[in-house]
Amino acid sequence: MMGSAYGGMGGGGLVWLLIYAILVVVPFWRLLPKFGIPNWISLVAIIPLGALILLWIMAFRDKLGGRA
C-alpha cells in the first residue's frame, strides 16, 4: 500500500510547514516590538523572503527604542 492515511505520499508537508512557521514567527514576534514594529508583522516571516526582509529592517534600525 502506497501513501499514508493523510492523502498519499507527502501528506506530512503541512506538519513541516507548521513547524517552520512556529520556529520562525515566534522569535520575530518577540523581537519586533523592541525595534518599534508591531507584533503582527512577524507573520510576514512565514514567507522566506519576508523573513529576510524583516532581518534587514531589524539590522539597519539605529536604536532599539523604535526610532528609525
N, C-alpha and C. Protein backbone atom coordinates (compact mmCIF):
# COMPACT_ATOMS: atom_id res chain seq x y z
N MET A 1 0.84 -1.17 0.00
CA MET A 1 0.00 0.00 0.00
C MET A 1 0.89 1.24 0.00
N MET A 2 0.67 2.12 -0.95
CA MET A 2 1.46 3.33 -1.08
C MET A 2 0.77 4.48 -0.36
N GLY A 3 1.56 5.36 0.23
CA GLY A 3 0.97 6.56 0.82
C GLY A 3 0.62 6.37 2.28
N SER A 4 -0.11 7.32 2.78
CA SER A 4 -0.50 7.30 4.19
C SER A 4 -1.98 7.59 4.31
N ALA A 5 -2.43 7.64 5.53
CA ALA A 5 -3.85 7.90 5.79
C ALA A 5 -4.22 9.35 5.56
N TYR A 6 -3.23 10.21 5.32
CA TYR A 6 -3.49 11.64 5.17
C TYR A 6 -3.51 12.10 3.72
N GLY A 7 -3.75 11.20 2.80
CA GLY A 7 -3.92 11.63 1.42
C GLY A 7 -2.77 11.31 0.50
N GLY A 8 -1.97 10.33 0.83
CA GLY A 8 -0.91 9.95 -0.08
C GLY A 8 0.46 10.35 0.40
N MET A 9 1.40 10.18 -0.49
CA MET A 9 2.79 10.50 -0.16
C MET A 9 2.95 12.00 0.00
N GLY A 10 3.72 12.40 0.96
CA GLY A 10 3.95 13.81 1.19
C GLY A 10 2.87 14.49 2.01
N GLY A 11 2.02 13.74 2.65
CA GLY A 11 0.96 14.31 3.46
C GLY A 11 1.46 15.02 4.70
N GLY A 12 2.71 14.79 5.06
CA GLY A 12 3.28 15.42 6.24
C GLY A 12 3.84 16.79 5.95
N GLY A 13 3.71 17.26 4.72
CA GLY A 13 4.24 18.56 4.36
C GLY A 13 3.62 19.70 5.15
N LEU A 14 2.35 19.58 5.46
CA LEU A 14 1.66 20.61 6.25
C LEU A 14 2.23 20.66 7.66
N VAL A 15 2.58 19.51 8.20
CA VAL A 15 3.16 19.46 9.54
C VAL A 15 4.49 20.20 9.55
N TRP A 16 5.32 19.96 8.53
CA TRP A 16 6.62 20.63 8.46
C TRP A 16 6.45 22.13 8.25
N LEU A 17 5.45 22.53 7.50
CA LEU A 17 5.18 23.94 7.30
C LEU A 17 4.79 24.61 8.62
N LEU A 18 3.98 23.95 9.41
CA LEU A 18 3.58 24.49 10.71
C LEU A 18 4.77 24.58 11.67
N ILE A 19 5.64 23.56 11.64
CA ILE A 19 6.84 23.59 12.49
C ILE A 19 7.74 24.74 12.07
N TYR A 20 7.93 24.91 10.76
CA TYR A 20 8.73 26.03 10.25
C TYR A 20 8.14 27.36 10.67
N ALA A 21 6.83 27.49 10.53
CA ALA A 21 6.16 28.75 10.88
C ALA A 21 6.35 29.07 12.36
N ILE A 22 6.23 28.09 13.21
CA ILE A 22 6.39 28.32 14.64
C ILE A 22 7.83 28.69 14.96
N LEU A 23 8.79 27.98 14.36
CA LEU A 23 10.20 28.24 14.65
C LEU A 23 10.67 29.60 14.14
N VAL A 24 10.01 30.14 13.13
CA VAL A 24 10.44 31.41 12.56
C VAL A 24 9.61 32.58 13.11
N VAL A 25 8.32 32.40 13.23
CA VAL A 25 7.44 33.51 13.62
C VAL A 25 7.60 33.88 15.09
N VAL A 26 7.74 32.91 15.96
CA VAL A 26 7.81 33.20 17.40
C VAL A 26 8.99 34.11 17.75
N PRO A 27 10.21 33.85 17.25
CA PRO A 27 11.29 34.80 17.58
C PRO A 27 11.04 36.20 17.02
N PHE A 28 10.50 36.28 15.80
CA PHE A 28 10.18 37.60 15.26
C PHE A 28 9.09 38.26 16.09
N TRP A 29 8.12 37.51 16.55
CA TRP A 29 7.02 38.05 17.38
C TRP A 29 7.57 38.68 18.65
N ARG A 30 8.63 38.08 19.21
CA ARG A 30 9.23 38.61 20.44
C ARG A 30 10.17 39.77 20.17
N LEU A 31 10.87 39.77 19.02
CA LEU A 31 11.89 40.78 18.75
C LEU A 31 11.37 42.06 18.12
N LEU A 32 10.39 41.97 17.26
CA LEU A 32 9.95 43.14 16.51
C LEU A 32 9.48 44.31 17.38
N PRO A 33 8.77 44.09 18.48
CA PRO A 33 8.38 45.24 19.32
C PRO A 33 9.58 46.01 19.87
N LYS A 34 10.71 45.37 20.06
CA LYS A 34 11.90 46.05 20.55
C LYS A 34 12.46 47.00 19.49
N PHE A 35 12.07 46.79 18.25
CA PHE A 35 12.51 47.64 17.16
C PHE A 35 11.42 48.60 16.72
N GLY A 36 10.33 48.68 17.48
CA GLY A 36 9.25 49.60 17.17
C GLY A 36 8.34 49.14 16.04
N ILE A 37 8.28 47.84 15.81
CA ILE A 37 7.47 47.28 14.74
C ILE A 37 6.38 46.42 15.40
N PRO A 38 5.12 46.53 14.94
CA PRO A 38 4.04 45.74 15.56
C PRO A 38 4.26 44.23 15.45
N ASN A 39 3.76 43.50 16.45
CA ASN A 39 3.90 42.04 16.50
C ASN A 39 3.36 41.34 15.27
N TRP A 40 2.19 41.76 14.77
CA TRP A 40 1.52 41.02 13.71
C TRP A 40 2.33 41.00 12.41
N ILE A 41 3.27 41.89 12.26
CA ILE A 41 4.09 41.89 11.05
C ILE A 41 5.00 40.66 11.02
N SER A 42 5.20 40.02 12.15
CA SER A 42 6.02 38.82 12.18
C SER A 42 5.42 37.70 11.33
N LEU A 43 4.14 37.77 11.02
CA LEU A 43 3.52 36.76 10.16
C LEU A 43 4.09 36.80 8.75
N VAL A 44 4.69 37.91 8.36
CA VAL A 44 5.34 38.01 7.06
C VAL A 44 6.52 37.05 6.99
N ALA A 45 7.08 36.68 8.13
CA ALA A 45 8.25 35.80 8.18
C ALA A 45 7.94 34.38 7.74
N ILE A 46 6.66 34.02 7.60
CA ILE A 46 6.31 32.69 7.10
C ILE A 46 6.86 32.51 5.69
N ILE A 47 6.86 33.60 4.92
CA ILE A 47 7.42 33.57 3.58
C ILE A 47 8.93 33.77 3.74
N PRO A 48 9.77 32.89 3.19
CA PRO A 48 11.21 33.02 3.40
C PRO A 48 11.78 34.39 3.00
N LEU A 49 11.34 34.95 1.91
CA LEU A 49 11.81 36.27 1.51
C LEU A 49 11.34 37.33 2.51
N GLY A 50 10.17 37.13 3.10
CA GLY A 50 9.67 38.05 4.12
C GLY A 50 10.54 38.04 5.36
N ALA A 51 11.02 36.86 5.75
CA ALA A 51 11.91 36.76 6.90
C ALA A 51 13.22 37.48 6.62
N LEU A 52 13.73 37.36 5.42
CA LEU A 52 14.96 38.04 5.05
C LEU A 52 14.78 39.56 5.08
N ILE A 53 13.66 40.03 4.59
CA ILE A 53 13.38 41.47 4.60
C ILE A 53 13.27 41.98 6.04
N LEU A 54 12.59 41.22 6.90
CA LEU A 54 12.47 41.64 8.30
C LEU A 54 13.84 41.68 8.98
N LEU A 55 14.70 40.73 8.67
CA LEU A 55 16.04 40.75 9.24
C LEU A 55 16.81 41.99 8.80
N TRP A 56 16.68 42.39 7.53
CA TRP A 56 17.35 43.59 7.04
C TRP A 56 16.81 44.83 7.74
N ILE A 57 15.50 44.89 7.91
CA ILE A 57 14.90 46.05 8.60
C ILE A 57 15.42 46.13 10.03
N MET A 58 15.48 45.00 10.71
CA MET A 58 15.95 44.99 12.08
C MET A 58 17.44 45.33 12.16
N ALA A 59 18.21 44.88 11.21
CA ALA A 59 19.66 45.09 11.24
C ALA A 59 20.02 46.56 11.06
N PHE A 60 19.22 47.30 10.29
CA PHE A 60 19.58 48.66 9.98
C PHE A 60 18.79 49.70 10.77
N ARG A 61 18.09 49.27 11.80
CA ARG A 61 17.47 50.23 12.73
C ARG A 61 18.57 50.84 13.58
N ASP A 62 18.49 52.13 13.82
CA ASP A 62 19.56 52.79 14.56
C ASP A 62 19.52 52.49 16.05
N LYS A 63 18.32 52.50 16.62
CA LYS A 63 18.20 52.32 18.06
C LYS A 63 17.16 51.24 18.35
N LEU A 64 17.29 50.59 19.48
CA LEU A 64 16.31 49.59 19.88
C LEU A 64 15.03 50.22 20.41
N GLY A 65 15.04 51.50 20.64
CA GLY A 65 13.87 52.20 21.18
C GLY A 65 12.77 52.36 20.18
N GLY A 66 12.96 51.96 18.94
CA GLY A 66 11.90 52.04 17.94
C GLY A 66 12.04 53.23 17.01
N ARG A 67 13.04 54.06 17.23
CA ARG A 67 13.22 55.20 16.36
C ARG A 67 14.08 54.81 15.18
N ALA A 68 13.65 55.18 14.00
CA ALA A 68 14.42 54.82 12.79
C ALA A 68 15.60 55.74 12.60
